[in-house]
Amino acid sequence: HLTVYDPAGPSKQTWVCDEANTERVVTDDHA
């Protein structure tokens, strides 16, 4: 369960992802 904060929209959004998409989200967030 990944929680992303977007200051321009709703305060936060949560998605449920598999391992591959989770790894991409974490990598892209850090970049």
PDB file of all heavy atoms in Angstrom:
ATOM      1  N   HIS A   1       0.868  -1.177   0.000  1.00  0.00           N
ATOM      2  CA  HIS A   1       0.000   0.000   0.000  1.00  0.00           C
ATOM      3  C   HIS A   1       0.906   1.229   0.000  1.00  0.00           C
ATOM      4  O   HIS A   1       1.645   1.453   0.958  1.00  0.00           O
ATOM      5  CB  HIS A   1      -0.897  -0.005   1.235  1.00  0.00           C
ATOM      6  CG  HIS A   1      -1.840  -1.162   1.257  1.00  0.00           C
ATOM      7  ND1 HIS A   1      -3.183  -0.999   1.269  1.00  0.00           N
ATOM      8  CD2 HIS A   1      -1.624  -2.496   1.247  1.00  0.00           C
ATOM      9  CE1 HIS A   1      -3.776  -2.179   1.284  1.00  0.00           C
ATOM     10  NE2 HIS A   1      -2.838  -3.108   1.257  1.00  0.00           N
ATOM     11  N   LEU A   2       0.869   1.992  -1.082  1.00  0.00           N
ATOM     12  CA  LEU A   2       1.751   3.147  -1.267  1.00  0.00           C
ATOM     13  C   LEU A   2       0.947   4.427  -1.097  1.00  0.00           C
ATOM     14  O   LEU A   2      -0.085   4.607  -1.739  1.00  0.00           O
ATOM     15  CB  LEU A   2       2.361   3.112  -2.659  1.00  0.00           C
ATOM     16  CG  LEU A   2       3.118   1.832  -2.989  1.00  0.00           C
ATOM     17  CD1 LEU A   2       3.348   1.714  -4.474  1.00  0.00           C
ATOM     18  CD2 LEU A   2       4.418   1.801  -2.231  1.00  0.00           C
ATOM     19  N   THR A   3       1.429   5.338  -0.262  1.00  0.00           N
ATOM     20  CA  THR A   3       0.748   6.607  -0.031  1.00  0.00           C
ATOM     21  C   THR A   3       1.601   7.730  -0.599  1.00  0.00           C
ATOM     22  O   THR A   3       2.764   7.879  -0.230  1.00  0.00           O
ATOM     23  CB  THR A   3       0.497   6.828   1.470  1.00  0.00           C
ATOM     24  OG1 THR A   3      -0.245   5.720   1.974  1.00  0.00           O
ATOM     25  CG2 THR A   3      -0.288   8.107   1.702  1.00  0.00           C
ATOM     26  N   VAL A   4       0.992   8.507  -1.496  1.00  0.00           N
ATOM     27  CA  VAL A   4       1.689   9.592  -2.183  1.00  0.00           C
ATOM     28  C   VAL A   4       1.020  10.914  -1.822  1.00  0.00           C
ATOM     29  O   VAL A   4      -0.201  11.034  -1.840  1.00  0.00           O
ATOM     30  CB  VAL A   4       1.651   9.373  -3.715  1.00  0.00           C
ATOM     31  CG1 VAL A   4       2.257  10.557  -4.455  1.00  0.00           C
ATOM     32  CG2 VAL A   4       2.383   8.088  -4.080  1.00  0.00           C
ATOM     33  N   TYR A   5       1.843  11.905  -1.492  1.00  0.00           N
ATOM     34  CA  TYR A   5       1.354  13.240  -1.160  1.00  0.00           C
ATOM     35  C   TYR A   5       1.493  14.145  -2.380  1.00  0.00           C
ATOM     36  O   TYR A   5       2.547  14.208  -3.003  1.00  0.00           O
ATOM     37  CB  TYR A   5       2.153  13.822   0.004  1.00  0.00           C
ATOM     38  CG  TYR A   5       1.801  15.255   0.293  1.00  0.00           C
ATOM     39  CD1 TYR A   5       0.580  15.593   0.851  1.00  0.00           C
ATOM     40  CD2 TYR A   5       2.689  16.276   0.004  1.00  0.00           C
ATOM     41  CE1 TYR A   5       0.250  16.909   1.115  1.00  0.00           C
ATOM     42  CE2 TYR A   5       2.369  17.593   0.261  1.00  0.00           C
ATOM     43  CZ  TYR A   5       1.148  17.900   0.819  1.00  0.00           C
ATOM     44  OH  TYR A   5       0.836  19.222   1.066  1.00  0.00           O
ATOM     45  N   ASP A   6       0.422  14.840  -2.706  1.00  0.00           N
ATOM     46  CA  ASP A   6       0.409  15.805  -3.819  1.00  0.00           C
ATOM     47  C   ASP A   6      -0.113  17.129  -3.278  1.00  0.00           C
ATOM     48  O   ASP A   6      -1.307  17.257  -3.009  1.00  0.00           O
ATOM     49  CB  ASP A   6      -0.495  15.306  -4.946  1.00  0.00           C
ATOM     50  CG  ASP A   6      -0.550  16.268  -6.124  1.00  0.00           C
ATOM     51  OD1 ASP A   6       0.058  17.359  -6.057  1.00  0.00           O
ATOM     52  OD2 ASP A   6      -1.203  15.925  -7.121  1.00  0.00           O
ATOM     53  N   PRO A   7       0.754  18.126  -3.101  1.00  0.00           N
ATOM     54  CA  PRO A   7       0.311  19.397  -2.533  1.00  0.00           C
ATOM     55  C   PRO A   7      -0.686  20.147  -3.425  1.00  0.00           C
ATOM     56  O   PRO A   7      -1.409  21.009  -2.947  1.00  0.00           O
ATOM     57  CB  PRO A   7       1.602  20.194  -2.356  1.00  0.00           C
ATOM     58  CG  PRO A   7       2.566  19.579  -3.293  1.00  0.00           C
ATOM     59  CD  PRO A   7       2.175  18.137  -3.424  1.00  0.00           C
ATOM     60  N   ALA A   8      -0.761  19.799  -4.704  1.00  0.00           N
ATOM     61  CA  ALA A   8      -1.660  20.496  -5.620  1.00  0.00           C
ATOM     62  C   ALA A   8      -3.060  19.876  -5.656  1.00  0.00           C
ATOM     63  O   ALA A   8      -3.975  20.454  -6.218  1.00  0.00           O
ATOM     64  CB  ALA A   8      -1.067  20.499  -7.029  1.00  0.00           C
ATOM     65  N   GLY A   9      -3.227  18.703  -5.072  1.00  0.00           N
ATOM     66  CA  GLY A   9      -4.521  18.022  -5.138  1.00  0.00           C
ATOM     67  C   GLY A   9      -4.974  17.613  -3.763  1.00  0.00           C
ATOM     68  O   GLY A   9      -4.685  18.295  -2.780  1.00  0.00           O
ATOM     69  N   PRO A  10      -5.677  16.480  -3.706  1.00  0.00           N
ATOM     70  CA  PRO A  10      -6.050  15.967  -2.391  1.00  0.00           C
ATOM     71  C   PRO A  10      -4.785  15.755  -1.565  1.00  0.00           C
ATOM     72  O   PRO A  10      -3.710  15.538  -2.128  1.00  0.00           O
ATOM     73  CB  PRO A  10      -6.724  14.633  -2.690  1.00  0.00           C
ATOM     74  CG  PRO A  10      -6.993  14.614  -4.152  1.00  0.00           C
ATOM     75  CD  PRO A  10      -6.079  15.608  -4.790  1.00  0.00           C
ATOM     76  N   SER A  11      -4.897  15.809  -0.271  1.00  0.00           N
ATOM     77  CA  SER A  11      -3.702  15.760   0.566  1.00  0.00           C
ATOM     78  C   SER A  11      -2.849  14.515   0.334  1.00  0.00           C
ATOM     79  O   SER A  11      -1.637  14.589   0.360  1.00  0.00           O
ATOM     80  CB  SER A  11      -4.061  15.867   2.040  1.00  0.00           C
ATOM     81  OG  SER A  11      -4.919  14.816   2.414  1.00  0.00           O
ATOM     82  N   LYS A  12      -3.502  13.361   0.103  1.00  0.00           N
ATOM     83  CA  LYS A  12      -2.731  12.146  -0.189  1.00  0.00           C
ATOM     84  C   LYS A  12      -3.614  11.138  -0.898  1.00  0.00           C
ATOM     85  O   LYS A  12      -4.830  11.185  -0.828  1.00  0.00           O
ATOM     86  CB  LYS A  12      -2.132  11.545   1.068  1.00  0.00           C
ATOM     87  CG  LYS A  12      -3.146  11.141   2.103  1.00  0.00           C
ATOM     88  CD  LYS A  12      -2.459  10.667   3.364  1.00  0.00           C
ATOM     89  CE  LYS A  12      -3.488  10.372   4.434  1.00  0.00           C
ATOM     90  NZ  LYS A  12      -2.887   9.897   5.658  1.00  0.00           N
ATOM     91  N   GLN A  13      -2.958  10.217  -1.597  1.00  0.00           N
ATOM     92  CA  GLN A  13      -3.641   9.164  -2.344  1.00  0.00           C
ATOM     93  C   GLN A  13      -2.917   7.867  -2.055  1.00  0.00           C
ATOM     94  O   GLN A  13      -1.692   7.839  -1.987  1.00  0.00           O
ATOM     95  CB  GLN A  13      -3.596   9.482  -3.839  1.00  0.00           C
ATOM     96  CG  GLN A  13      -4.240   8.463  -4.722  1.00  0.00           C
ATOM     97  CD  GLN A  13      -5.761   8.490  -4.633  1.00  0.00           C
ATOM     98  OE1 GLN A  13      -6.350   9.545  -4.524  1.00  0.00           O
ATOM     99  NE2 GLN A  13      -6.367   7.334  -4.660  1.00  0.00           N
ATOM    100  N   THR A  14      -3.672   6.779  -1.893  1.00  0.00           N
ATOM    101  CA  THR A  14      -3.061   5.476  -1.629  1.00  0.00           C
ATOM    102  C   THR A  14      -3.441   4.496  -2.729  1.00  0.00           C
ATOM    103  O   THR A  14      -4.600   4.433  -3.131  1.00  0.00           O
ATOM    104  CB  THR A  14      -3.515   4.925  -0.259  1.00  0.00           C
ATOM    105  OG1 THR A  14      -3.122   5.851   0.756  1.00  0.00           O
ATOM    106  CG2 THR A  14      -2.875   3.576   0.025  1.00  0.00           C
ATOM    107  N   TRP A  15      -2.437   3.760  -3.208  1.00  0.00           N
ATOM    108  CA  TRP A  15      -2.647   2.710  -4.195  1.00  0.00           C
ATOM    109  C   TRP A  15      -2.062   1.417  -3.657  1.00  0.00           C
ATOM    110  O   TRP A  15      -1.106   1.428  -2.894  1.00  0.00           O
ATOM    111  CB  TRP A  15      -1.950   3.044  -5.514  1.00  0.00           C
ATOM    112  CG  TRP A  15      -2.534   4.209  -6.225  1.00  0.00           C
ATOM    113  CD1 TRP A  15      -3.658   4.225  -7.005  1.00  0.00           C
ATOM    114  CD2 TRP A  15      -2.027   5.540  -6.254  1.00  0.00           C
ATOM    115  NE1 TRP A  15      -3.878   5.486  -7.495  1.00  0.00           N
ATOM    116  CE2 TRP A  15      -2.888   6.316  -7.046  1.00  0.00           C
ATOM    117  CE3 TRP A  15      -0.928   6.164  -5.671  1.00  0.00           C
ATOM    118  CZ2 TRP A  15      -2.695   7.664  -7.280  1.00  0.00           C
ATOM    119  CZ3 TRP A  15      -0.732   7.508  -5.899  1.00  0.00           C
ATOM    120  CH2 TRP A  15      -1.608   8.239  -6.699  1.00  0.00           C
ATOM    121  N   VAL A  16      -2.607   0.301  -4.094  1.00  0.00           N
ATOM    122  CA  VAL A  16      -2.077  -1.016  -3.736  1.00  0.00           C
ATOM    123  C   VAL A  16      -1.421  -1.571  -4.992  1.00  0.00           C
ATOM    124  O   VAL A  16      -2.076  -1.731  -6.022  1.00  0.00           O
ATOM    125  CB  VAL A  16      -3.192  -1.967  -3.241  1.00  0.00           C
ATOM    126  CG1 VAL A  16      -2.603  -3.323  -2.876  1.00  0.00           C
ATOM    127  CG2 VAL A  16      -3.928  -1.355  -2.060  1.00  0.00           C
ATOM    128  N   CYS A  17      -0.115  -1.846  -4.902  1.00  0.00           N
ATOM    129  CA  CYS A  17       0.646  -2.288  -6.072  1.00  0.00           C
ATOM    130  C   CYS A  17       1.367  -3.598  -5.793  1.00  0.00           C
ATOM    131  O   CYS A  17       1.643  -3.937  -4.646  1.00  0.00           O
ATOM    132  CB  CYS A  17       1.679  -1.231  -6.457  1.00  0.00           C
ATOM    133  SG  CYS A  17       0.959   0.299  -7.066  1.00  0.00           S
ATOM    134  N   ASP A  18       1.729  -4.285  -6.879  1.00  0.00           N
ATOM    135  CA  ASP A  18       2.532  -5.496  -6.765  1.00  0.00           C
ATOM    136  C   ASP A  18       4.004  -5.106  -6.581  1.00  0.00           C
ATOM    137  O   ASP A  18       4.352  -3.924  -6.570  1.00  0.00           O
ATOM    138  CB  ASP A  18       2.329  -6.397  -7.985  1.00  0.00           C
ATOM    139  CG  ASP A  18       2.757  -5.737  -9.287  1.00  0.00           C
ATOM    140  OD1 ASP A  18       3.432  -4.672  -9.269  1.00  0.00           O
ATOM    141  OD2 ASP A  18       2.420  -6.278 -10.350  1.00  0.00           O
ATOM    142  N   GLU A  19       4.872  -6.107  -6.445  1.00  0.00           N
ATOM    143  CA  GLU A  19       6.295  -5.848  -6.195  1.00  0.00           C
ATOM    144  C   GLU A  19       6.961  -5.017  -7.293  1.00  0.00           C
ATOM    145  O   GLU A  19       7.713  -4.096  -7.011  1.00  0.00           O
ATOM    146  CB  GLU A  19       7.052  -7.171  -6.031  1.00  0.00           C
ATOM    147  CG  GLU A  19       6.732  -7.905  -4.763  1.00  0.00           C
ATOM    148  CD  GLU A  19       7.320  -7.249  -3.526  1.00  0.00           C
ATOM    149  OE1 GLU A  19       8.385  -6.609  -3.620  1.00  0.00           O
ATOM    150  OE2 GLU A  19       6.708  -7.380  -2.466  1.00  0.00           O
ATOM    151  N   ALA A  20       6.680  -5.347  -8.558  1.00  0.00           N
ATOM    152  CA  ALA A  20       7.341  -4.649  -9.667  1.00  0.00           C
ATOM    153  C   ALA A  20       6.963  -3.169  -9.701  1.00  0.00           C
ATOM    154  O   ALA A  20       7.832  -2.303  -9.848  1.00  0.00           O
ATOM    155  CB  ALA A  20       6.988  -5.318 -10.997  1.00  0.00           C
ATOM    156  N   ASN A  21       5.676  -2.860  -9.559  1.00  0.00           N
ATOM    157  CA  ASN A  21       5.255  -1.468  -9.571  1.00  0.00           C
ATOM    158  C   ASN A  21       5.706  -0.730  -8.315  1.00  0.00           C
ATOM    159  O   ASN A  21       6.053   0.444  -8.369  1.00  0.00           O
ATOM    160  CB  ASN A  21       3.737  -1.359  -9.747  1.00  0.00           C
ATOM    161  CG  ASN A  21       3.352  -1.466 -11.206  1.00  0.00           C
ATOM    162  OD1 ASN A  21       3.515  -0.542 -11.974  1.00  0.00           O
ATOM    163  ND2 ASN A  21       2.854  -2.641 -11.599  1.00  0.00           N
ATOM    164  N   THR A  22       5.737  -1.429  -7.176  1.00  0.00           N
ATOM    165  CA  THR A  22       6.233  -0.815  -5.940  1.00  0.00           C
ATOM    166  C   THR A  22       7.687  -0.391  -6.106  1.00  0.00           C
ATOM    167  O   THR A  22       8.063   0.726  -5.746  1.00  0.00           O
ATOM    168  CB  THR A  22       6.100  -1.791  -4.751  1.00  0.00           C
ATOM    169  OG1 THR A  22       4.713  -2.041  -4.528  1.00  0.00           O
ATOM    170  CG2 THR A  22       6.731  -1.231  -3.496  1.00  0.00           C
ATOM    171  N   GLU A  23       8.497  -1.270  -6.675  1.00  0.00           N
ATOM    172  CA  GLU A  23       9.917  -0.947  -6.882  1.00  0.00           C
ATOM    173  C   GLU A  23      10.067   0.267  -7.796  1.00  0.00           C
ATOM    174  O   GLU A  23      10.873   1.157  -7.536  1.00  0.00           O
ATOM    175  CB  GLU A  23      10.647  -2.152  -7.470  1.00  0.00           C
ATOM    176  CG  GLU A  23      12.131  -1.921  -7.617  1.00  0.00           C
ATOM    177  CD  GLU A  23      12.876  -3.163  -8.083  1.00  0.00           C
ATOM    178  OE1 GLU A  23      12.411  -4.282  -7.811  1.00  0.00           O
ATOM    179  OE2 GLU A  23      13.926  -2.978  -8.722  1.00  0.00           O
ATOM    180  N   ARG A  24       9.262   0.331  -8.853  1.00  0.00           N
ATOM    181  CA  ARG A  24       9.323   1.480  -9.772  1.00  0.00           C
ATOM    182  C   ARG A  24       8.899   2.770  -9.081  1.00  0.00           C
ATOM    183  O   ARG A  24       9.529   3.811  -9.274  1.00  0.00           O
ATOM    184  CB  ARG A  24       8.438   1.230 -10.992  1.00  0.00           C
ATOM    185  CG  ARG A  24       9.007   0.190 -11.935  1.00  0.00           C
ATOM    186  CD  ARG A  24       8.188   0.020 -13.211  1.00  0.00           C
ATOM    187  NE  ARG A  24       7.897   1.302 -13.822  1.00  0.00           N
ATOM    188  CZ  ARG A  24       6.662   1.730 -14.139  1.00  0.00           C
ATOM    189  NH1 ARG A  24       5.610   0.976 -13.917  1.00  0.00           N
ATOM    190  NH2 ARG A  24       6.493   2.899 -14.693  1.00  0.00           N
ATOM    191  N   VAL A  25       7.839   2.713  -8.263  1.00  0.00           N
ATOM    192  CA  VAL A  25       7.375   3.911  -7.549  1.00  0.00           C
ATOM    193  C   VAL A  25       8.471   4.430  -6.624  1.00  0.00           C
ATOM    194  O   VAL A  25       8.778   5.625  -6.624  1.00  0.00           O
ATOM    195  CB  VAL A  25       6.072   3.620  -6.753  1.00  0.00           C
ATOM    196  CG1 VAL A  25       5.785   4.734  -5.755  1.00  0.00           C
ATOM    197  CG2 VAL A  25       4.893   3.435  -7.694  1.00  0.00           C
ATOM    198  N   VAL A  26       9.073   3.547  -5.832  1.00  0.00           N
ATOM    199  CA  VAL A  26      10.124   3.957  -4.895  1.00  0.00           C
ATOM    200  C   VAL A  26      11.317   4.540  -5.649  1.00  0.00           C
ATOM    201  O   VAL A  26      11.841   5.595  -5.290  1.00  0.00           O
ATOM    202  CB  VAL A  26      10.541   2.781  -3.987  1.00  0.00           C
ATOM    203  CG1 VAL A  26      11.776   3.132  -3.166  1.00  0.00           C
ATOM    204  CG2 VAL A  26       9.381   2.381  -3.083  1.00  0.00           C
ATOM    205  N   THR A  27      11.743   3.881  -6.709  1.00  0.00           N
ATOM    206  CA  THR A  27      12.882   4.359  -7.505  1.00  0.00           C
ATOM    207  C   THR A  27      12.586   5.716  -8.125  1.00  0.00           C
ATOM    208  O   THR A  27      13.407   6.639  -8.051  1.00  0.00           O
ATOM    209  CB  THR A  27      13.227   3.342  -8.615  1.00  0.00           C
ATOM    210  OG1 THR A  27      13.566   2.096  -7.995  1.00  0.00           O
ATOM    211  CG2 THR A  27      14.385   3.819  -9.464  1.00  0.00           C
ATOM    212  N   ASP A  28      11.411   5.869  -8.725  1.00  0.00           N
ATOM    213  CA  ASP A  28      11.049   7.134  -9.378  1.00  0.00           C
ATOM    214  C   ASP A  28      10.884   8.259  -8.365  1.00  0.00           C
ATOM    215  O   ASP A  28      11.243   9.406  -8.628  1.00  0.00           O
ATOM    216  CB  ASP A  28       9.773   6.979 -10.204  1.00  0.00           C
ATOM    217  CG  ASP A  28       9.972   6.084 -11.423  1.00  0.00           C
ATOM    218  OD1 ASP A  28      11.132   5.712 -11.717  1.00  0.00           O
ATOM    219  OD2 ASP A  28       8.968   5.751 -12.070  1.00  0.00           O
ATOM    220  N   ASP A  29      10.353   7.956  -7.174  1.00  0.00           N
ATOM    221  CA  ASP A  29      10.226   8.967  -6.121  1.00  0.00           C
ATOM    222  C   ASP A  29      11.599   9.484  -5.722  1.00  0.00           C
ATOM    223  O   ASP A  29      11.808  10.690  -5.615  1.00  0.00           O
ATOM    224  CB  ASP A  29       9.507   8.387  -4.906  1.00  0.00           C
ATOM    225  CG  ASP A  29       9.539   9.339  -3.717  1.00  0.00           C
ATOM    226  OD1 ASP A  29       9.044  10.472  -3.855  1.00  0.00           O
ATOM    227  OD2 ASP A  29      10.060   8.952  -2.662  1.00  0.00           O
ATOM    228  N   HIS A  30      12.551   8.591  -5.541  1.00  0.00           N
ATOM    229  CA  HIS A  30      13.896   9.007  -5.147  1.00  0.00           C
ATOM    230  C   HIS A  30      14.573   9.815  -6.253  1.00  0.00           C
ATOM    231  O   HIS A  30      15.332  10.736  -5.960  1.00  0.00           O
ATOM    232  CB  HIS A  30      14.746   7.802  -4.754  1.00  0.00           C
ATOM    233  CG  HIS A  30      14.386   7.258  -3.421  1.00  0.00           C
ATOM    234  ND1 HIS A  30      14.891   7.743  -2.251  1.00  0.00           N
ATOM    235  CD2 HIS A  30      13.526   6.278  -3.062  1.00  0.00           C
ATOM    236  CE1 HIS A  30      14.377   7.098  -1.231  1.00  0.00           C
ATOM    237  NE2 HIS A  30      13.535   6.197  -1.700  1.00  0.00           N
ATOM    238  N   ALA A  31      14.302   9.506  -7.508  1.00  0.00           N
ATOM    239  CA  ALA A  31      14.893  10.238  -8.628  1.00  0.00           C
ATOM    240  C   ALA A  31      14.211  11.588  -8.827  1.00  0.00           C
ATOM    241  O   ALA A  31      14.838  12.534  -9.311  1.00  0.00           O
ATOM    242  CB  ALA A  31      14.785   9.419  -9.911  1.00  0.00           C
TER     243      ALA A  31
END
